[in-house]
Amino acid sequence: MTTLRDVRDTRVLRDAYGCFPSGVAAVCGLVDGSPVGMAVSSFTSVSLTPALVSVCLRNSSATWDRLSRLPRLGVSVLAEHQDGVCRQLSRGGPDGRFHGLGWRRSDAGAVFVGGAAAWFDCSVFALLPGGDHTVALLEVHGLSRDQDRSPLVFHGGLFRRLAPGAEVGRAAEAGRG
């Protein structure tokens, strides 16, 4: 029998959540002509029709407060060599979160981090309450990807890389939820 632990212990809860590996993405936009962005590890695909992705953002985030009002947001799936980019976007610094980072913008104002594995040009589709976070459903209007770059993976509180040749099989398209 499995012994269950009390979820009110947030350290235990955080450690359990860390058992599930996730990608790392940057959500960015232009605010008054300057790039603003943040790193998230809760990016996931939601729907093909319409094309939707989701990210979860802390309700207390001042950065999300600024980004959530923009007409377009760029979501960059960070590549395996971009753990430093994730740290910089998470913490910032005296020169700002984008100091020294390569980035570009779309005509609609989405901001994309250079060197990423994939880029999604999005707008806010819906915002849903989720405890101390907001679940943002983002509609995808356009995308690009670099199929030669592997994504950065976050697992167990550490940044990790996918191991080449470690595939165990291809997921069958039929029966996928």
C-alpha atoms as a PDB file:
ATOM      1  CA  MET A   1       0.000   0.000   0.000  1.00  0.00           C
ATOM      2  CA  THR A   2       1.177   3.525  -0.745  1.00  0.00           C
ATOM      3  CA  THR A   3       1.474   5.938   2.154  1.00  0.00           C
ATOM      4  CA  LEU A   4       0.179   9.355   1.148  1.00  0.00           C
ATOM      5  CA  ARG A   5       1.721  12.549   2.483  1.00  0.00           C
ATOM      6  CA  ASP A   6      -0.099  15.729   3.445  1.00  0.00           C
ATOM      7  CA  VAL A   7      -0.217  18.163   0.499  1.00  0.00           C
ATOM      8  CA  ARG A   8      -0.220  21.148   2.844  1.00  0.00           C
ATOM      9  CA  ASP A   9       3.557  20.622   3.103  1.00  0.00           C
ATOM     10  CA  THR A  10       4.482  22.658   0.019  1.00  0.00           C
ATOM     11  CA  ARG A  11       8.044  21.271  -0.093  1.00  0.00           C
ATOM     12  CA  VAL A  12       6.678  17.716  -0.359  1.00  0.00           C
ATOM     13  CA  LEU A  13       4.187  18.867  -2.988  1.00  0.00           C
ATOM     14  CA  ARG A  14       6.861  20.707  -5.002  1.00  0.00           C
ATOM     15  CA  ASP A  15       9.132  17.640  -4.911  1.00  0.00           C
ATOM     16  CA  ALA A  16       6.294  15.421  -6.131  1.00  0.00           C
ATOM     17  CA  TYR A  17       5.470  17.824  -8.959  1.00  0.00           C
ATOM     18  CA  GLY A  18       9.163  17.692  -9.881  1.00  0.00           C
ATOM     19  CA  CYS A  19       8.833  13.974 -10.679  1.00  0.00           C
ATOM     20  CA  PHE A  20       7.171  14.962 -13.945  1.00  0.00           C
ATOM     21  CA  PRO A  21       9.662  16.364 -16.484  1.00  0.00           C
ATOM     22  CA  SER A  22       8.617  19.460 -18.367  1.00  0.00           C
ATOM     23  CA  GLY A  23       9.969  21.685 -21.048  1.00  0.00           C
ATOM     24  CA  VAL A  24      10.992  25.245 -20.368  1.00  0.00           C
ATOM     25  CA  ALA A  25       9.543  28.156 -22.300  1.00  0.00           C
ATOM     26  CA  ALA A  26       9.823  31.924 -22.332  1.00  0.00           C
ATOM     27  CA  VAL A  27       6.676  34.058 -22.602  1.00  0.00           C
ATOM     28  CA  CYS A  28       7.585  37.486 -23.986  1.00  0.00           C
ATOM     29  CA  GLY A  29       6.120  40.612 -25.530  1.00  0.00           C
ATOM     30  CA  LEU A  30       6.818  44.272 -26.236  1.00  0.00           C
ATOM     31  CA  VAL A  31       5.835  46.770 -23.562  1.00  0.00           C
ATOM     32  CA  ASP A  32       6.402  50.401 -24.551  1.00  0.00           C
ATOM     33  CA  GLY A  33       8.849  49.255 -27.240  1.00  0.00           C
ATOM     34  CA  SER A  34      11.020  47.146 -24.911  1.00  0.00           C
ATOM     35  CA  PRO A  35      11.053  43.366 -24.518  1.00  0.00           C
ATOM     36  CA  VAL A  36       9.482  41.959 -21.351  1.00  0.00           C
ATOM     37  CA  GLY A  37       9.462  38.273 -20.571  1.00  0.00           C
ATOM     38  CA  MET A  38       9.514  35.443 -18.113  1.00  0.00           C
ATOM     39  CA  ALA A  39      10.447  31.760 -17.987  1.00  0.00           C
ATOM     40  CA  VAL A  40       7.794  29.103 -17.363  1.00  0.00           C
ATOM     41  CA  SER A  41       7.995  25.333 -16.936  1.00  0.00           C
ATOM     42  CA  SER A  42       4.273  24.763 -17.266  1.00  0.00           C
ATOM     43  CA  PHE A  43       3.909  25.069 -21.043  1.00  0.00           C
ATOM     44  CA  THR A  44       1.798  22.418 -22.769  1.00  0.00           C
ATOM     45  CA  SER A  45      -0.226  21.817 -25.904  1.00  0.00           C
ATOM     46  CA  VAL A  46      -4.004  21.909 -25.392  1.00  0.00           C
ATOM     47  CA  SER A  47      -5.888  21.769 -28.697  1.00  0.00           C
ATOM     48  CA  LEU A  48      -5.330  21.444 -32.448  1.00  0.00           C
ATOM     49  CA  THR A  49      -8.623  23.125 -33.443  1.00  0.00           C
ATOM     50  CA  PRO A  50      -8.387  25.875 -32.461  1.00  0.00           C
ATOM     51  CA  ALA A  51      -4.622  25.807 -31.986  1.00  0.00           C
ATOM     52  CA  LEU A  52      -4.194  26.345 -28.230  1.00  0.00           C
ATOM     53  CA  VAL A  53      -1.347  26.039 -25.743  1.00  0.00           C
ATOM     54  CA  SER A  54      -1.339  26.796 -22.035  1.00  0.00           C
ATOM     55  CA  VAL A  55       1.008  28.272 -19.475  1.00  0.00           C
ATOM     56  CA  CYS A  56       0.536  28.654 -15.731  1.00  0.00           C
ATOM     57  CA  LEU A  57       1.644  31.887 -14.102  1.00  0.00           C
ATOM     58  CA  ARG A  58       1.874  33.008 -10.481  1.00  0.00           C
ATOM     59  CA  ASN A  59      -0.915  35.437  -9.606  1.00  0.00           C
ATOM     60  CA  SER A  60       1.638  37.652  -7.846  1.00  0.00           C
ATOM     61  CA  SER A  61       3.841  37.996 -10.959  1.00  0.00           C
ATOM     62  CA  ALA A  62       4.287  41.638 -11.925  1.00  0.00           C
ATOM     63  CA  THR A  63       5.757  40.483 -15.250  1.00  0.00           C
ATOM     64  CA  TRP A  64       2.658  38.460 -16.122  1.00  0.00           C
ATOM     65  CA  ASP A  65       0.497  41.415 -15.127  1.00  0.00           C
ATOM     66  CA  ARG A  66       2.284  43.478 -17.803  1.00  0.00           C
ATOM     67  CA  LEU A  67       2.283  40.713 -20.438  1.00  0.00           C
ATOM     68  CA  SER A  68      -1.337  39.604 -19.993  1.00  0.00           C
ATOM     69  CA  ARG A  69      -2.663  42.863 -21.479  1.00  0.00           C
ATOM     70  CA  LEU A  70      -0.694  42.659 -24.731  1.00  0.00           C
ATOM     71  CA  PRO A  71      -2.367  41.770 -28.035  1.00  0.00           C
ATOM     72  CA  ARG A  72       0.410  39.284 -28.923  1.00  0.00           C
ATOM     73  CA  LEU A  73       2.835  37.163 -26.947  1.00  0.00           C
ATOM     74  CA  GLY A  74       5.772  35.106 -28.128  1.00  0.00           C
ATOM     75  CA  VAL A  75       6.325  31.702 -26.570  1.00  0.00           C
ATOM     76  CA  SER A  76       9.831  30.359 -27.153  1.00  0.00           C
ATOM     77  CA  VAL A  77      10.524  26.720 -26.256  1.00  0.00           C
ATOM     78  CA  LEU A  78      14.047  26.978 -24.897  1.00  0.00           C
ATOM     79  CA  ALA A  79      16.721  24.717 -26.362  1.00  0.00           C
ATOM     80  CA  GLU A  80      18.941  22.404 -24.331  1.00  0.00           C
ATOM     81  CA  HIS A  81      21.820  24.914 -24.232  1.00  0.00           C
ATOM     82  CA  GLN A  82      19.630  27.746 -22.853  1.00  0.00           C
ATOM     83  CA  ASP A  83      19.541  27.020 -19.110  1.00  0.00           C
ATOM     84  CA  GLY A  84      21.355  30.347 -18.590  1.00  0.00           C
ATOM     85  CA  VAL A  85      18.656  32.121 -20.606  1.00  0.00           C
ATOM     86  CA  CYS A  86      16.017  30.582 -18.334  1.00  0.00           C
ATOM     87  CA  ARG A  87      17.873  31.776 -15.227  1.00  0.00           C
ATOM     88  CA  GLN A  88      18.278  35.267 -16.666  1.00  0.00           C
ATOM     89  CA  LEU A  89      14.595  35.539 -17.583  1.00  0.00           C
ATOM     90  CA  SER A  90      13.632  34.242 -14.134  1.00  0.00           C
ATOM     91  CA  ARG A  91      15.825  36.579 -12.110  1.00  0.00           C
ATOM     92  CA  GLY A  92      16.739  39.467 -14.310  1.00  0.00           C
ATOM     93  CA  GLY A  93      19.630  41.606 -13.277  1.00  0.00           C
ATOM     94  CA  PRO A  94      20.816  45.176 -13.030  1.00  0.00           C
ATOM     95  CA  ASP A  95      20.781  45.533 -16.826  1.00  0.00           C
ATOM     96  CA  GLY A  96      17.424  43.799 -17.300  1.00  0.00           C
ATOM     97  CA  ARG A  97      16.250  40.342 -18.261  1.00  0.00           C
ATOM     98  CA  PHE A  98      17.105  40.773 -21.947  1.00  0.00           C
ATOM     99  CA  HIS A  99      20.629  42.203 -21.499  1.00  0.00           C
ATOM    100  CA  GLY A 100      22.859  40.329 -23.939  1.00  0.00           C
ATOM    101  CA  LEU A 101      20.065  38.016 -25.139  1.00  0.00           C
ATOM    102  CA  GLY A 102      19.372  37.691 -28.831  1.00  0.00           C
ATOM    103  CA  TRP A 103      15.706  38.269 -29.584  1.00  0.00           C
ATOM    104  CA  ARG A 104      13.421  39.276 -32.407  1.00  0.00           C
ATOM    105  CA  ARG A 105       9.866  40.491 -32.706  1.00  0.00           C
ATOM    106  CA  SER A 106       6.982  39.687 -34.989  1.00  0.00           C
ATOM    107  CA  ASP A 107       5.083  42.387 -36.840  1.00  0.00           C
ATOM    108  CA  ALA A 108       2.261  41.892 -34.313  1.00  0.00           C
ATOM    109  CA  GLY A 109       4.568  42.527 -31.329  1.00  0.00           C
ATOM    110  CA  ALA A 110       5.356  39.021 -30.086  1.00  0.00           C
ATOM    111  CA  VAL A 111       8.932  38.664 -28.822  1.00  0.00           C
ATOM    112  CA  PHE A 112      10.947  35.506 -29.499  1.00  0.00           C
ATOM    113  CA  VAL A 113      14.185  34.373 -27.844  1.00  0.00           C
ATOM    114  CA  GLY A 114      16.925  33.582 -30.366  1.00  0.00           C
ATOM    115  CA  GLY A 115      18.362  30.077 -30.446  1.00  0.00           C
ATOM    116  CA  ALA A 116      15.191  28.416 -29.122  1.00  0.00           C
ATOM    117  CA  ALA A 117      13.839  25.079 -30.359  1.00  0.00           C
ATOM    118  CA  ALA A 118      10.400  26.457 -31.333  1.00  0.00           C
ATOM    119  CA  TRP A 119       8.501  29.745 -31.410  1.00  0.00           C
ATOM    120  CA  PHE A 120       4.746  30.369 -31.154  1.00  0.00           C
ATOM    121  CA  ASP A 121       3.040  33.678 -31.951  1.00  0.00           C
ATOM    122  CA  CYS A 122       0.050  33.790 -29.579  1.00  0.00           C
ATOM    123  CA  SER A 123      -2.756  35.865 -28.122  1.00  0.00           C
ATOM    124  CA  VAL A 124      -4.648  35.334 -24.884  1.00  0.00           C
ATOM    125  CA  PHE A 125      -7.666  33.096 -25.565  1.00  0.00           C
ATOM    126  CA  ALA A 126      -8.863  32.661 -21.962  1.00  0.00           C
ATOM    127  CA  LEU A 127      -7.632  33.128 -18.406  1.00  0.00           C
ATOM    128  CA  LEU A 128      -8.727  30.580 -15.811  1.00  0.00           C
ATOM    129  CA  PRO A 129      -8.225  30.758 -12.036  1.00  0.00           C
ATOM    130  CA  GLY A 130      -5.997  28.026 -10.668  1.00  0.00           C
ATOM    131  CA  GLY A 131      -5.317  28.590  -6.965  1.00  0.00           C
ATOM    132  CA  ASP A 132      -2.221  30.752  -6.560  1.00  0.00           C
ATOM    133  CA  HIS A 133      -1.707  30.650 -10.353  1.00  0.00           C
ATOM    134  CA  THR A 134      -3.598  31.680 -13.464  1.00  0.00           C
ATOM    135  CA  VAL A 135      -3.931  29.195 -16.303  1.00  0.00           C
ATOM    136  CA  ALA A 136      -3.539  31.140 -19.536  1.00  0.00           C
ATOM    137  CA  LEU A 137      -4.905  29.504 -22.676  1.00  0.00           C
ATOM    138  CA  LEU A 138      -3.089  31.045 -25.618  1.00  0.00           C
ATOM    139  CA  GLU A 139      -4.266  30.847 -29.220  1.00  0.00           C
ATOM    140  CA  VAL A 140      -1.454  30.102 -31.667  1.00  0.00           C
ATOM    141  CA  HIS A 141      -1.480  32.276 -34.809  1.00  0.00           C
ATOM    142  CA  GLY A 142       1.836  31.180 -36.290  1.00  0.00           C
ATOM    143  CA  LEU A 143       4.880  29.124 -35.405  1.00  0.00           C
ATOM    144  CA  SER A 144       8.364  28.150 -36.392  1.00  0.00           C
ATOM    145  CA  ARG A 145      10.726  25.480 -35.143  1.00  0.00           C
ATOM    146  CA  ASP A 146      14.312  24.361 -35.483  1.00  0.00           C
ATOM    147  CA  GLN A 147      14.058  20.587 -35.816  1.00  0.00           C
ATOM    148  CA  ASP A 148      17.798  20.243 -35.179  1.00  0.00           C
ATOM    149  CA  ARG A 149      17.561  21.673 -31.648  1.00  0.00           C
ATOM    150  CA  SER A 150      16.500  19.601 -28.677  1.00  0.00           C
ATOM    151  CA  PRO A 151      14.485  21.220 -25.894  1.00  0.00           C
ATOM    152  CA  LEU A 152      15.690  22.106 -22.418  1.00  0.00           C
ATOM    153  CA  VAL A 153      14.089  19.790 -19.848  1.00  0.00           C
ATOM    154  CA  PHE A 154      13.317  20.596 -16.203  1.00  0.00           C
ATOM    155  CA  HIS A 155      13.057  17.601 -13.883  1.00  0.00           C
ATOM    156  CA  GLY A 156      13.607  17.125 -10.171  1.00  0.00           C
ATOM    157  CA  GLY A 157      14.643  20.751  -9.710  1.00  0.00           C
ATOM    158  CA  LEU A 158      17.425  20.468 -12.322  1.00  0.00           C
ATOM    159  CA  PHE A 159      17.869  21.387 -15.968  1.00  0.00           C
ATOM    160  CA  ARG A 160      18.478  18.286 -18.065  1.00  0.00           C
ATOM    161  CA  ARG A 161      19.031  17.270 -21.663  1.00  0.00           C
ATOM    162  CA  LEU A 162      17.424  14.479 -23.654  1.00  0.00           C
ATOM    163  CA  ALA A 163      19.878  11.642 -24.252  1.00  0.00           C
ATOM    164  CA  PRO A 164      20.514  10.959 -27.961  1.00  0.00           C
ATOM    165  CA  GLY A 165      19.436   7.472 -28.934  1.00  0.00           C
ATOM    166  CA  ALA A 166      17.386   6.985 -25.754  1.00  0.00           C
ATOM    167  CA  GLU A 167      14.085   6.625 -27.591  1.00  0.00           C
ATOM    168  CA  VAL A 168      11.969   3.722 -26.405  1.00  0.00           C
ATOM    169  CA  GLY A 169       9.385   3.794 -29.191  1.00  0.00           C
ATOM    170  CA  ARG A 170       7.115   6.058 -31.130  1.00  0.00           C
ATOM    171  CA  ALA A 171       3.776   7.071 -29.632  1.00  0.00           C
ATOM    172  CA  ALA A 172       0.915   5.767 -31.727  1.00  0.00           C
ATOM    173  CA  GLU A 173      -1.157   8.596 -33.199  1.00  0.00           C
ATOM    174  CA  ALA A 174      -4.331   6.569 -32.710  1.00  0.00           C
ATOM    175  CA  GLY A 175      -5.501   6.540 -29.142  1.00  0.00           C
ATOM    176  CA  ARG A 176      -3.579   9.620 -28.013  1.00  0.00           C
ATOM    177  CA  GLY A 177      -5.709  11.898 -25.847  1.00  0.00           C
END
